[in-house]
């Protein structure tokens, strides 16, 4: 197995990220504001779990082969952009 961050295999990190993604997929925060709707509601509800799924995919790609690290970097960047969109829609746009 290919070792990753803190000398743990990338697949361990992928499993942890999938657990977090599943928690945020099935456990919906109860305090989503009632006054939001449309695109903003979609982003506030689903962008956070999608971010964790992209992070898990990033770890899986890194665990498969070091040759795929370029694609893994793009997936990780997409996850980061998704998280920024989530934060923007949650806290900035009111």
PDB file of N, CA and C in Angstrom:
ATOM      1  N   UNK A   1       0.833  -1.193   0.000  1.00  0.00           N
ATOM      2  CA  UNK A   1       0.000   0.000   0.000  1.00  0.00           C
ATOM      3  C   UNK A   1       0.869   1.245   0.000  1.00  0.00           C
ATOM      4  N   UNK A   2       0.359   2.245  -0.657  1.00  0.00           N
ATOM      5  CA  UNK A   2       1.085   3.499  -0.747  1.00  0.00           C
ATOM      6  C   UNK A   2       0.801   4.309   0.512  1.00  0.00           C
ATOM      7  N   UNK A   3       1.868   4.682   1.192  1.00  0.00           N
ATOM      8  CA  UNK A   3       1.725   5.460   2.420  1.00  0.00           C
ATOM      9  C   UNK A   3       1.439   6.914   2.068  1.00  0.00           C
ATOM     10  N   UNK A   4       0.641   7.545   2.901  1.00  0.00           N
ATOM     11  CA  UNK A   4       0.273   8.935   2.676  1.00  0.00           C
ATOM     12  C   UNK A   4       0.597   9.781   3.880  1.00  0.00           C
ATOM     13  N   UNK A   5      -0.255  10.726   4.147  1.00  0.00           N
ATOM     14  CA  UNK A   5      -0.096  11.662   5.251  1.00  0.00           C
ATOM     15  C   UNK A   5      -0.013  10.917   6.587  1.00  0.00           C
ATOM     16  N   UNK A   6       0.892  11.319   7.446  1.00  0.00           N
ATOM     17  CA  UNK A   6       1.151  10.696   8.752  1.00  0.00           C
ATOM     18  C   UNK A   6       1.473   9.213   8.629  1.00  0.00           C
ATOM     19  N   UNK A   7       2.017   8.829   7.481  1.00  0.00           N
ATOM     20  CA  UNK A   7       2.450   7.461   7.216  1.00  0.00           C
ATOM     21  C   UNK A   7       1.306   6.447   7.251  1.00  0.00           C
ATOM     22  N   UNK A   8       0.078   6.914   7.078  1.00  0.00           N
ATOM     23  CA  UNK A   8      -1.076   6.032   6.957  1.00  0.00           C
ATOM     24  C   UNK A   8      -1.389   5.846   5.475  1.00  0.00           C
ATOM     25  N   UNK A   9      -1.866   4.668   5.081  1.00  0.00           N
ATOM     26  CA  UNK A   9      -2.218   4.465   3.674  1.00  0.00           C
ATOM     27  C   UNK A   9      -3.325   5.428   3.226  1.00  0.00           C
ATOM     28  N   UNK A  10      -3.270   5.798   1.952  1.00  0.00           N
ATOM     29  CA  UNK A  10      -4.269   6.719   1.411  1.00  0.00           C
ATOM     30  C   UNK A  10      -5.671   6.157   1.534  1.00  0.00           C
ATOM     31  N   UNK A  11      -5.807   4.841   1.486  1.00  0.00           N
ATOM     32  CA  UNK A  11      -7.144   4.241   1.573  1.00  0.00           C
ATOM     33  C   UNK A  11      -7.748   4.405   2.973  1.00  0.00           C
ATOM     34  N   UNK A  12      -6.912   4.498   3.996  1.00  0.00           N
ATOM     35  CA  UNK A  12      -7.423   4.780   5.344  1.00  0.00           C
ATOM     36  C   UNK A  12      -8.004   6.192   5.376  1.00  0.00           C
ATOM     37  N   UNK A  13      -7.277   7.140   4.784  1.00  0.00           N
ATOM     38  CA  UNK A  13      -7.770   8.514   4.722  1.00  0.00           C
ATOM     39  C   UNK A  13      -9.052   8.598   3.906  1.00  0.00           C
ATOM     40  N   UNK A  14      -9.121   7.818   2.821  1.00  0.00           N
ATOM     41  CA  UNK A  14     -10.338   7.801   2.006  1.00  0.00           C
ATOM     42  C   UNK A  14     -11.509   7.263   2.806  1.00  0.00           C
ATOM     43  N   UNK A  15     -11.275   6.232   3.598  1.00  0.00           N
ATOM     44  CA  UNK A  15     -12.344   5.685   4.429  1.00  0.00           C
ATOM     45  C   UNK A  15     -12.846   6.688   5.454  1.00  0.00           C
ATOM     46  N   UNK A  16     -11.935   7.400   6.078  1.00  0.00           N
ATOM     47  CA  UNK A  16     -12.333   8.423   7.050  1.00  0.00           C
ATOM     48  C   UNK A  16     -13.129   9.542   6.376  1.00  0.00           C
ATOM     49  N   UNK A  17     -12.684   9.958   5.195  1.00  0.00           N
ATOM     50  CA  UNK A  17     -13.412  11.008   4.475  1.00  0.00           C
ATOM     51  C   UNK A  17     -14.791  10.517   4.045  1.00  0.00           C
ATOM     52  N   UNK A  18     -14.904   9.247   3.671  1.00  0.00           N
ATOM     53  CA  UNK A  18     -16.215   8.702   3.299  1.00  0.00           C
ATOM     54  C   UNK A  18     -17.155   8.644   4.491  1.00  0.00           C
ATOM     55  N   UNK A  19     -16.619   8.340   5.661  1.00  0.00           N
ATOM     56  CA  UNK A  19     -17.461   8.331   6.870  1.00  0.00           C
ATOM     57  C   UNK A  19     -18.023   9.724   7.123  1.00  0.00           C
ATOM     58  N   UNK A  20     -17.172  10.732   7.030  1.00  0.00           N
ATOM     59  CA  UNK A  20     -17.635  12.113   7.228  1.00  0.00           C
ATOM     60  C   UNK A  20     -18.660  12.488   6.155  1.00  0.00           C
ATOM     61  N   UNK A  21     -18.402  12.097   4.901  1.00  0.00           N
ATOM     62  CA  UNK A  21     -19.338  12.410   3.817  1.00  0.00           C
ATOM     63  C   UNK A  21     -20.686  11.749   4.050  1.00  0.00           C
ATOM     64  N   UNK A  22     -20.693  10.517   4.499  1.00  0.00           N
ATOM     65  CA  UNK A  22     -21.959   9.824   4.758  1.00  0.00           C
ATOM     66  C   UNK A  22     -22.711  10.448   5.918  1.00  0.00           C
ATOM     67  N   UNK A  23     -21.984  10.885   6.927  1.00  0.00           N
ATOM     68  CA  UNK A  23     -22.634  11.560   8.056  1.00  0.00           C
ATOM     69  C   UNK A  23     -23.341  12.818   7.565  1.00  0.00           C
ATOM     70  N   UNK A  24     -22.643  13.636   6.753  1.00  0.00           N
ATOM     71  CA  UNK A  24     -23.251  14.873   6.266  1.00  0.00           C
ATOM     72  C   UNK A  24     -24.285  14.631   5.177  1.00  0.00           C
ATOM     73  N   UNK A  25     -24.270  13.463   4.557  1.00  0.00           N
ATOM     74  CA  UNK A  25     -25.294  13.144   3.567  1.00  0.00           C
ATOM     75  C   UNK A  25     -26.607  12.785   4.232  1.00  0.00           C
ATOM     76  N   UNK A  26     -26.540  11.972   5.276  1.00  0.00           N
ATOM     77  CA  UNK A  26     -27.767  11.472   5.891  1.00  0.00           C
ATOM     78  C   UNK A  26     -28.192  12.230   7.137  1.00  0.00           C
ATOM     79  N   UNK A  27     -27.285  12.960   7.750  1.00  0.00           N
ATOM     80  CA  UNK A  27     -27.639  13.779   8.904  1.00  0.00           C
ATOM     81  C   UNK A  27     -27.677  15.221   8.419  1.00  0.00           C
ATOM     82  N   UNK A  28     -28.871  15.736   8.239  1.00  0.00           N
ATOM     83  CA  UNK A  28     -29.045  17.096   7.749  1.00  0.00           C
ATOM     84  C   UNK A  28     -29.057  18.035   8.948  1.00  0.00           C
ATOM     85  N   UNK A  29     -28.215  19.048   8.930  1.00  0.00           N
ATOM     86  CA  UNK A  29     -28.276  20.010  10.031  1.00  0.00           C
ATOM     87  C   UNK A  29     -29.684  20.589  10.164  1.00  0.00           C
ATOM     88  N   UNK A  30     -30.171  20.662  11.377  1.00  0.00           N
ATOM     89  CA  UNK A  30     -31.555  21.081  11.618  1.00  0.00           C
ATOM     90  C   UNK A  30     -31.750  22.583  11.519  1.00  0.00           C
ATOM     91  N   UNK A  31     -30.681  23.336  11.493  1.00  0.00           N
ATOM     92  CA  UNK A  31     -30.822  24.790  11.511  1.00  0.00           C
ATOM     93  C   UNK A  31     -30.567  25.419  10.151  1.00  0.00           C
ATOM     94  N   UNK A  32     -30.964  24.750   9.070  1.00  0.00           N
ATOM     95  CA  UNK A  32     -30.906  25.404   7.770  1.00  0.00           C
ATOM     96  C   UNK A  32     -32.008  26.456   7.760  1.00  0.00           C
ATOM     97  N   UNK A  33     -31.631  27.660   7.436  1.00  0.00           N
ATOM     98  CA  UNK A  33     -32.570  28.776   7.514  1.00  0.00           C
ATOM     99  C   UNK A  33     -33.785  28.533   6.629  1.00  0.00           C
ATOM    100  N   UNK A  34     -34.944  28.878   7.147  1.00  0.00           N
ATOM    101  CA  UNK A  34     -36.193  28.654   6.421  1.00  0.00           C
ATOM    102  C   UNK A  34     -36.373  29.634   5.266  1.00  0.00           C
ATOM    103  N   UNK A  35     -35.650  30.745   5.288  1.00  0.00           N
ATOM    104  CA  UNK A  35     -35.854  31.765   4.259  1.00  0.00           C
ATOM    105  C   UNK A  35     -35.005  31.556   3.009  1.00  0.00           C
ATOM    106  N   UNK A  36     -34.185  30.507   2.971  1.00  0.00           N
ATOM    107  CA  UNK A  36     -33.391  30.274   1.767  1.00  0.00           C
ATOM    108  C   UNK A  36     -34.110  29.277   0.870  1.00  0.00           C
ATOM    109  N   UNK A  37     -33.899  29.430  -0.424  1.00  0.00           N
ATOM    110  CA  UNK A  37     -34.535  28.531  -1.371  1.00  0.00           C
ATOM    111  C   UNK A  37     -33.711  28.497  -2.651  1.00  0.00           C
ATOM    112  N   UNK A  38     -34.114  27.651  -3.564  1.00  0.00           N
ATOM    113  CA  UNK A  38     -33.480  27.575  -4.875  1.00  0.00           C
ATOM    114  C   UNK A  38     -32.056  27.093  -4.832  1.00  0.00           C
ATOM    115  N   UNK A  39     -31.224  27.776  -5.631  1.00  0.00           N
ATOM    116  CA  UNK A  39     -29.828  27.382  -5.783  1.00  0.00           C
ATOM    117  C   UNK A  39     -29.068  27.450  -4.463  1.00  0.00           C
ATOM    118  N   UNK A  40     -29.343  28.475  -3.677  1.00  0.00           N
ATOM    119  CA  UNK A  40     -28.647  28.615  -2.396  1.00  0.00           C
ATOM    120  C   UNK A  40     -28.963  27.450  -1.469  1.00  0.00           C
ATOM    121  N   UNK A  41     -30.216  27.016  -1.419  1.00  0.00           N
ATOM    122  CA  UNK A  41     -30.592  25.864  -0.599  1.00  0.00           C
ATOM    123  C   UNK A  41     -29.877  24.608  -1.080  1.00  0.00           C
ATOM    124  N   UNK A  42     -29.799  24.428  -2.392  1.00  0.00           N
ATOM    125  CA  UNK A  42     -29.092  23.280  -2.962  1.00  0.00           C
ATOM    126  C   UNK A  42     -27.631  23.265  -2.522  1.00  0.00           C
ATOM    127  N   UNK A  43     -26.982  24.407  -2.593  1.00  0.00           N
ATOM    128  CA  UNK A  43     -25.571  24.493  -2.216  1.00  0.00           C
ATOM    129  C   UNK A  43     -25.394  24.285  -0.718  1.00  0.00           C
ATOM    130  N   UNK A  44     -26.220  24.946   0.087  1.00  0.00           N
ATOM    131  CA  UNK A  44     -26.089  24.823   1.543  1.00  0.00           C
ATOM    132  C   UNK A  44     -26.316  23.379   1.989  1.00  0.00           C
ATOM    133  N   UNK A  45     -27.229  22.678   1.338  1.00  0.00           N
ATOM    134  CA  UNK A  45     -27.550  21.309   1.739  1.00  0.00           C
ATOM    135  C   UNK A  45     -26.535  20.282   1.229  1.00  0.00           C
ATOM    136  N   UNK A  46     -26.071  20.414  -0.023  1.00  0.00           N
ATOM    137  CA  UNK A  46     -25.306  19.332  -0.644  1.00  0.00           C
ATOM    138  C   UNK A  46     -23.827  19.621  -0.894  1.00  0.00           C
ATOM    139  N   UNK A  47     -23.375  20.853  -0.795  1.00  0.00           N
ATOM    140  CA  UNK A  47     -21.979  21.153  -1.118  1.00  0.00           C
ATOM    141  C   UNK A  47     -21.014  20.581  -0.093  1.00  0.00           C
ATOM    142  N   UNK A  48     -21.404  20.562   1.165  1.00  0.00           N
ATOM    143  CA  UNK A  48     -20.494  20.036   2.181  1.00  0.00           C
ATOM    144  C   UNK A  48     -20.266  18.531   2.023  1.00  0.00           C
ATOM    145  N   UNK A  49     -21.309  17.709   1.858  1.00  0.00           N
ATOM    146  CA  UNK A  49     -21.040  16.286   1.607  1.00  0.00           C
ATOM    147  C   UNK A  49     -20.270  16.058   0.306  1.00  0.00           C
ATOM    148  N   UNK A  50     -20.589  16.836  -0.736  1.00  0.00           N
ATOM    149  CA  UNK A  50     -19.883  16.670  -2.003  1.00  0.00           C
ATOM    150  C   UNK A  50     -18.399  16.983  -1.842  1.00  0.00           C
ATOM    151  N   UNK A  51     -18.084  17.964  -1.031  1.00  0.00           N
ATOM    152  CA  UNK A  51     -16.692  18.277  -0.745  1.00  0.00           C
ATOM    153  C   UNK A  51     -15.972  17.061  -0.165  1.00  0.00           C
ATOM    154  N   UNK A  52     -16.601  16.399   0.788  1.00  0.00           N
ATOM    155  CA  UNK A  52     -15.972  15.230   1.411  1.00  0.00           C
ATOM    156  C   UNK A  52     -15.873  14.052   0.455  1.00  0.00           C
ATOM    157  N   UNK A  53     -16.864  13.885  -0.447  1.00  0.00           N
ATOM    158  CA  UNK A  53     -16.757  12.827  -1.458  1.00  0.00           C
ATOM    159  C   UNK A  53     -15.590  13.100  -2.406  1.00  0.00           C
ATOM    160  N   UNK A  54     -15.390  14.357  -2.773  1.00  0.00           N
ATOM    161  CA  UNK A  54     -14.262  14.703  -3.638  1.00  0.00           C
ATOM    162  C   UNK A  54     -12.930  14.490  -2.928  1.00  0.00           C
ATOM    163  N   UNK A  55     -12.864  14.804  -1.653  1.00  0.00           N
ATOM    164  CA  UNK A  55     -11.646  14.555  -0.891  1.00  0.00           C
ATOM    165  C   UNK A  55     -11.364  13.055  -0.813  1.00  0.00           C
ATOM    166  N   UNK A  56     -12.405  12.255  -0.598  1.00  0.00           N
ATOM    167  CA  UNK A  56     -12.228  10.799  -0.562  1.00  0.00           C
ATOM    168  C   UNK A  56     -11.738  10.283  -1.913  1.00  0.00           C
ATOM    169  N   UNK A  57     -12.317  10.789  -2.990  1.00  0.00           N
ATOM    170  CA  UNK A  57     -11.873  10.380  -4.326  1.00  0.00           C
ATOM    171  C   UNK A  57     -10.414  10.763  -4.547  1.00  0.00           C
ATOM    172  N   UNK A  58     -10.025  11.923  -4.077  1.00  0.00           N
ATOM    173  CA  UNK A  58      -8.635  12.349  -4.150  1.00  0.00           C
ATOM    174  C   UNK A  58      -7.725  11.332  -3.462  1.00  0.00           C
ATOM    175  N   UNK A  59      -8.084  10.908  -2.263  1.00  0.00           N
ATOM    176  CA  UNK A  59      -7.273   9.931  -1.533  1.00  0.00           C
ATOM    177  C   UNK A  59      -7.245   8.580  -2.244  1.00  0.00           C
ATOM    178  N   UNK A  60      -8.365   8.159  -2.813  1.00  0.00           N
ATOM    179  CA  UNK A  60      -8.415   6.888  -3.532  1.00  0.00           C
ATOM    180  C   UNK A  60      -7.489   6.920  -4.744  1.00  0.00           C
ATOM    181  N   UNK A  61      -7.530   8.017  -5.495  1.00  0.00           N
ATOM    182  CA  UNK A  61      -6.659   8.138  -6.662  1.00  0.00           C
ATOM    183  C   UNK A  61      -5.189   8.114  -6.261  1.00  0.00           C
ATOM    184  N   UNK A  62      -4.858   8.762  -5.162  1.00  0.00           N
ATOM    185  CA  UNK A  62      -3.472   8.742  -4.689  1.00  0.00           C
ATOM    186  C   UNK A  62      -3.057   7.343  -4.232  1.00  0.00           C
ATOM    187  N   UNK A  63      -4.006   6.596  -3.676  1.00  0.00           N
ATOM    188  CA  UNK A  63      -3.704   5.253  -3.215  1.00  0.00           C
ATOM    189  C   UNK A  63      -3.555   4.245  -4.335  1.00  0.00           C
ATOM    190  N   UNK A  64      -4.204   4.490  -5.460  1.00  0.00           N
ATOM    191  CA  UNK A  64      -4.119   3.560  -6.585  1.00  0.00           C
ATOM    192  C   UNK A  64      -2.735   3.595  -7.211  1.00  0.00           C
ATOM    193  N   UNK A  65      -2.266   4.792  -7.533  1.00  0.00           N
ATOM    194  CA  UNK A  65      -0.963   4.902  -8.188  1.00  0.00           C
ATOM    195  C   UNK A  65      -0.425   6.323  -8.049  1.00  0.00           C
ATOM    196  N   UNK A  66       0.876   6.470  -7.832  1.00  0.00           N
ATOM    197  CA  UNK A  66       1.457   7.812  -7.789  1.00  0.00           C
ATOM    198  C   UNK A  66       1.345   8.544  -9.126  1.00  0.00           C
ATOM    199  N   UNK A  67       1.150   7.800 -10.212  1.00  0.00           N
ATOM    200  CA  UNK A  67       1.011   8.433 -11.521  1.00  0.00           C
ATOM    201  C   UNK A  67      -0.270   9.248 -11.627  1.00  0.00           C
ATOM    202  N   UNK A  68      -1.234   8.973 -10.778  1.00  0.00           N
ATOM    203  CA  UNK A  68      -2.525   9.660 -10.834  1.00  0.00           C
ATOM    204  C   UNK A  68      -2.572  10.879  -9.919  1.00  0.00           C
ATOM    205  N   UNK A  69      -1.427  11.305  -9.407  1.00  0.00           N
ATOM    206  CA  UNK A  69      -1.439  12.426  -8.459  1.00  0.00           C
ATOM    207  C   UNK A  69      -1.866  13.733  -9.118  1.00  0.00           C
ATOM    208  N   UNK A  70      -1.632  13.889 -10.415  1.00  0.00           N
ATOM    209  CA  UNK A  70      -2.075  15.100 -11.103  1.00  0.00           C
ATOM    210  C   UNK A  70      -3.595  15.187 -11.141  1.00  0.00           C
ATOM    211  N   UNK A  71      -4.244  14.081 -11.457  1.00  0.00           N
ATOM    212  CA  UNK A  71      -5.709  14.051 -11.455  1.00  0.00           C
ATOM    213  C   UNK A  71      -6.220  14.229 -10.025  1.00  0.00           C
ATOM    214  N   UNK A  72      -5.536  13.589  -9.073  1.00  0.00           N
ATOM    215  CA  UNK A  72      -5.938  13.714  -7.664  1.00  0.00           C
ATOM    216  C   UNK A  72      -5.845  15.165  -7.208  1.00  0.00           C
ATOM    217  N   UNK A  73      -4.829  15.882  -7.667  1.00  0.00           N
ATOM    218  CA  UNK A  73      -4.704  17.299  -7.314  1.00  0.00           C
ATOM    219  C   UNK A  73      -5.876  18.116  -7.859  1.00  0.00           C
ATOM    220  N   UNK A  74      -6.312  17.803  -9.095  1.00  0.00           N
ATOM    221  CA  UNK A  74      -7.448  18.523  -9.668  1.00  0.00           C
ATOM    222  C   UNK A  74      -8.738  18.208  -8.916  1.00  0.00           C
ATOM    223  N   UNK A  75      -8.911  16.958  -8.501  1.00  0.00           N
ATOM    224  CA  UNK A  75     -10.100  16.579  -7.724  1.00  0.00           C
ATOM    225  C   UNK A  75     -10.079  17.279  -6.366  1.00  0.00           C
ATOM    226  N   UNK A  76      -8.902  17.335  -5.740  1.00  0.00           N
ATOM    227  CA  UNK A  76      -8.777  18.027  -4.453  1.00  0.00           C
ATOM    228  C   UNK A  76      -9.066  19.520  -4.610  1.00  0.00           C
ATOM    229  N   UNK A  77      -8.598  20.110  -5.702  1.00  0.00           N
ATOM    230  CA  UNK A  77      -8.879  21.532  -5.962  1.00  0.00           C
ATOM    231  C   UNK A  77     -10.372  21.754  -6.163  1.00  0.00           C
ATOM    232  N   UNK A  78     -11.038  20.831  -6.859  1.00  0.00           N
ATOM    233  CA  UNK A  78     -12.491  20.939  -7.041  1.00  0.00           C
ATOM    234  C   UNK A  78     -13.197  20.842  -5.693  1.00  0.00           C
ATOM    235  N   UNK A  79     -12.710  19.980  -4.809  1.00  0.00           N
ATOM    236  CA  UNK A  79     -13.274  19.885  -3.462  1.00  0.00           C
ATOM    237  C   UNK A  79     -13.082  21.176  -2.682  1.00  0.00           C
ATOM    238  N   UNK A  80     -11.926  21.773  -2.812  1.00  0.00           N
ATOM    239  CA  UNK A  80     -11.675  23.044  -2.145  1.00  0.00           C
ATOM    240  C   UNK A  80     -12.569  24.160  -2.663  1.00  0.00           C
ATOM    241  N   UNK A  81     -12.755  24.209  -3.974  1.00  0.00           N
ATOM    242  CA  UNK A  81     -13.656  25.210  -4.551  1.00  0.00           C
ATOM    243  C   UNK A  81     -15.104  24.968  -4.119  1.00  0.00           C
ATOM    244  N   UNK A  82     -15.497  23.710  -4.033  1.00  0.00           N
ATOM    245  CA  UNK A  82     -16.855  23.397  -3.578  1.00  0.00           C
ATOM    246  C   UNK A  82     -17.045  23.862  -2.135  1.00  0.00           C
ATOM    247  N   UNK A  83     -16.023  23.664  -1.313  1.00  0.00           N
ATOM    248  CA  UNK A  83     -16.126  24.100   0.079  1.00  0.00           C
ATOM    249  C   UNK A  83     -16.186  25.621   0.178  1.00  0.00           C
ATOM    250  N   UNK A  84     -15.407  26.309  -0.648  1.00  0.00           N
ATOM    251  CA  UNK A  84     -15.477  27.775  -0.657  1.00  0.00           C
ATOM    252  C   UNK A  84     -16.864  28.260  -1.073  1.00  0.00           C
ATOM    253  N   UNK A  85     -17.452  27.604  -2.078  1.00  0.00           N
ATOM    254  CA  UNK A  85     -18.808  27.949  -2.488  1.00  0.00           C
ATOM    255  C   UNK A  85     -19.799  27.717  -1.355  1.00  0.00           C
ATOM    256  N   UNK A  86     -19.644  26.591  -0.659  1.00  0.00           N
ATOM    257  CA  UNK A  86     -20.500  26.286   0.494  1.00  0.00           C
ATOM    258  C   UNK A  86     -20.375  27.365   1.568  1.00  0.00           C
ATOM    259  N   UNK A  87     -19.155  27.736   1.906  1.00  0.00           N
ATOM    260  CA  UNK A  87     -18.941  28.761   2.934  1.00  0.00           C
ATOM    261  C   UNK A  87     -19.510  30.104   2.490  1.00  0.00           C
ATOM    262  N   UNK A  88     -19.316  30.451   1.238  1.00  0.00           N
ATOM    263  CA  UNK A  88     -19.825  31.714   0.715  1.00  0.00           C
ATOM    264  C   UNK A  88     -21.349  31.756   0.786  1.00  0.00           C
ATOM    265  N   UNK A  89     -21.985  30.685   0.340  1.00  0.00           N
ATOM    266  CA  UNK A  89     -23.458  30.647   0.337  1.00  0.00           C
ATOM    267  C   UNK A  89     -24.035  30.566   1.746  1.00  0.00           C
ATOM    268  N   UNK A  90     -23.294  29.976   2.666  1.00  0.00           N
ATOM    269  CA  UNK A  90     -23.788  29.828   4.028  1.00  0.00           C
ATOM    270  C   UNK A  90     -23.628  31.096   4.851  1.00  0.00           C
ATOM    271  N   UNK A  91     -22.473  31.741   4.756  1.00  0.00           N
ATOM    272  CA  UNK A  91     -22.169  32.829   5.677  1.00  0.00           C
ATOM    273  C   UNK A  91     -22.121  34.219   5.054  1.00  0.00           C
ATOM    274  N   UNK A  92     -21.874  34.330   3.771  1.00  0.00           N
ATOM    275  CA  UNK A  92     -21.706  35.650   3.164  1.00  0.00           C
ATOM    276  C   UNK A  92     -23.017  36.158   2.567  1.00  0.00           C
ATOM    277  N   UNK A  93     -23.657  35.345   1.748  1.00  0.00           N
ATOM    278  CA  UNK A  93     -24.905  35.768   1.113  1.00  0.00           C
ATOM    279  C   UNK A  93     -26.041  35.566   2.090  1.00  0.00           C
ATOM    280  N   UNK A  94     -26.726  36.623   2.389  1.00  0.00           N
ATOM    281  CA  UNK A  94     -27.850  36.544   3.346  1.00  0.00           C
ATOM    282  C   UNK A  94     -29.114  37.005   2.677  1.00  0.00           C
TER     283      UNK A  94
END
